[in-house]
């Protein structure tokens, strides 16, 4: 047991070091930018991105820490771990709808659910559904696009998440993606509802208990940050470079309702997707200037399916085969929905 704890401690230090190294690199680039005019645009882009998403990342880590502290593994395994059950995919998508966190905050929550025992298909469905099918974004998209077009975007996100989850269930049954080693079989007759009632009745509110809860949430958030934060920092850095040195007019000019326009949109979404709240206005600008709703849909959805931060986190924490299959399965569906949107709107 001591050897295992020693190994876990060494692994945690490695993850902390990666975060520290990436953080130092970004700080160094910012400091140098004050002396090198060429880097000034990068600094402004980085500050813009950080200012847009820091709260979402922090909220994601705090919610992840709360899940780690309050939610027993049995609950997640009971609701989201049974890979062969279709209802688990619907449960993951519904859970994503109520998670009001942008895409990079959702990454932290998804990895925490994976740690707690959620099946790989459920984690993937949760990842795809939550950034665009959550309640606040639904309201924002209605404001931008109007109810009919917004409904198409939200419905498309949900359908793609569900279909992808079902396909991943098939891939898992054939051994083509990794199974979650954190999942376990529950005792026969175990009831999440009854166990929750028992724990709730046994819980005693007090100052000491509150302090313990805060410490527990903090430990869970730090553990989660050690796993995901360095990838998020890498993603922010790369997106800042793209935002700084690729002219914004390029996106609008080459994102018309054509095959080439969809391809350019797909590439742009890969490098620009950082926060759903920040990407939605840019997607509307694409639609306003080109009239191509399908391209806006691809820009919104493909970023989630092809974002290097998301792929890297899945590769590192869930499995490389899962990370590879995500764009292979999801991107064709995104493009198909984009083509349909360009045809009917």
Foldseek 3Di string as FASTA:
>chain_A
DVVVVVVVVVLLVVLVVLQVVLVVVVVVLLVVCVVPVVSVLLNVLLVVLCVVAVVLQVVLLLVLLLCQQPPALCVLLVQAQPLVDLVNLVVLLVVLQADPGWLLSLLLNLLSSLLSHGWLLSSQLNNQRNRLNHDVNLVVLCVLPNNPLSVLLNVLSNVLSSVSSVVVSVCVVVVLFDTRPNHDDDDPPDDPVVVVVVVVVVDDDDPVVVVVSVVSSVVSSSSSCSQQVSLLSVLSSQLSVCVRPPDLVVLLVQLALDPRNLVSLLVCLQNNDRTSVVLSVSLSVSCVRHVQSLSSSSSNRSNSQRHPSSLVSCCRRPHNSSSVVSCVSRVVSSNVSSNVSRVPD
